[in-house]
Protein backbone atom coordinates (compact mmCIF):
# COMPACT_ATOMS: atom_id res chain seq x y z
CA MET A 1 7.57 -20.06 7.31
CA VAL A 2 7.54 -17.37 4.85
CA LYS A 3 7.32 -18.46 1.05
CA ILE A 4 9.04 -16.09 -1.49
CA MET A 5 7.41 -15.40 -4.63
CA ASN A 6 8.97 -16.36 -7.82
CA ALA A 7 10.30 -12.95 -9.14
CA GLY A 8 8.43 -13.46 -12.37
CA ARG A 9 5.14 -14.08 -11.38
CA PRO A 10 4.08 -10.22 -11.01
CA MET A 11 4.96 -9.41 -14.42
CA GLU A 12 3.04 -12.35 -15.35
CA LEU A 13 0.00 -11.47 -13.71
CA LEU A 14 0.39 -7.89 -15.31
CA GLN A 15 0.92 -9.54 -18.60
CA ASN A 16 -2.44 -11.70 -18.38
CA SER A 17 -4.36 -8.12 -17.12
CA ILE A 18 -3.39 -6.73 -20.42
CA GLY A 19 -6.83 -5.43 -22.06
CA ALA A 20 -8.57 -5.57 -18.94
CA GLN A 21 -9.63 -2.91 -16.31
CA VAL A 22 -7.13 -2.63 -13.56
CA LEU A 23 -7.11 -0.37 -10.20
CA VAL A 24 -3.97 1.40 -9.72
CA GLU A 25 -3.15 3.15 -6.36
CA LEU A 26 -0.62 5.63 -6.22
CA LYS A 27 0.97 7.83 -3.46
CA GLY A 28 -1.08 10.99 -2.61
CA ASN A 29 -3.93 9.14 -1.81
CA LYS A 30 -5.37 8.88 -5.52
CA LYS A 31 -6.38 6.02 -7.66
CA ILE A 32 -6.75 5.25 -11.25
CA LYS A 33 -9.21 2.84 -12.89
CA GLY A 34 -8.50 2.02 -16.49
CA ARG A 35 -7.76 -0.48 -19.38
CA LEU A 36 -4.38 -1.46 -19.18
CA ARG A 37 -2.86 -1.38 -22.30
CA GLY A 38 1.02 -1.82 -21.57
CA TYR A 39 3.70 -1.42 -18.77
CA ASP A 40 7.37 -1.90 -18.27
CA GLN A 41 9.96 -3.00 -15.84
CA HIS A 42 9.96 0.03 -14.02
CA LEU A 43 6.03 -0.24 -13.70
CA ASN A 44 5.09 2.71 -16.00
CA LEU A 45 1.74 1.74 -16.87
CA VAL A 46 -0.34 3.17 -20.09
CA LEU A 47 -4.08 3.27 -19.21
CA GLU A 48 -6.92 3.72 -21.80
CA ASP A 49 -10.59 4.75 -21.02
CA ALA A 50 -9.36 5.95 -17.48
CA GLU A 51 -10.64 7.76 -14.53
CA GLU A 52 -8.54 9.20 -11.97
CA ILE A 53 -10.22 8.90 -8.53
CA SER A 54 -9.33 11.65 -5.66
CA ILE A 55 -10.25 11.15 -1.94
CA ASN A 56 -10.65 14.25 0.34
CA PRO A 57 -9.07 13.34 3.52
CA GLU A 58 -11.37 15.97 5.45
CA THR A 59 -14.57 14.88 3.96
CA SER A 60 -13.57 11.07 2.46
CA GLU A 61 -15.81 12.49 -0.71
CA GLU A 62 -14.64 11.05 -3.85
CA THR A 63 -14.04 13.07 -7.22
CA VAL A 64 -14.08 11.03 -10.28
CA THR A 65 -12.33 12.80 -13.30
CA HIS A 66 -12.34 11.16 -16.75
CA VAL A 67 -9.03 11.39 -18.21
CA ALA A 68 -9.21 8.99 -21.35
CA ASN A 69 -5.90 8.01 -21.94
CA VAL A 70 -2.87 8.23 -19.53
CA ILE A 71 0.87 7.18 -18.73
CA VAL A 72 1.48 6.73 -15.11
CA ARG A 73 5.26 7.08 -14.09
CA GLY A 74 6.09 3.75 -12.01
CA ASP A 75 7.44 5.80 -9.08
CA ASN A 76 4.03 6.84 -8.06
CA VAL A 77 2.57 3.70 -7.70
CA VAL A 78 1.72 2.02 -4.70
CA ILE A 79 -0.45 -1.07 -5.87
CA VAL A 80 -2.02 -2.54 -8.89
CA SER A 81 -4.74 -4.39 -8.44
CA PRO A 82 -5.70 -7.10 -11.21
CA PRO A 83 -9.54 -7.50 -12.31
CA PRO A 84 -11.15 -10.10 -10.32
CA GLY A 85 -10.18 -13.89 -11.36
CA LYS A 86 -6.93 -12.83 -13.13
CA SER A 87 -4.65 -14.06 -10.09
CA LYS A 88 -5.72 -17.65 -10.34
CA LYS A 89 -4.15 -20.15 -12.73
CA LYS A 90 -6.38 -22.16 -14.92
CA LYS A 91 -6.58 -25.75 -14.21
CA GLU A 92 -5.93 -28.01 -17.35
């Protein structure tokens, strides 16, 4: 049996990640790591204190470039990884 995720949950997870560092995997074998400042329904993301991580496919060597503030267009986003512990609900 396949459990279907509640449609509101992914956006809730993003909302809970505001102000925290996230890792965003993009098309073209690139990643951006930075503090999530905002997002919209198209998954356009605003990151600050960001670093672009490029991986050379021939040598598997990573190149890290500091990009400070960046807006990532949602069309390029493959995965947004929230900070550890943000995916678990607090039990009260």
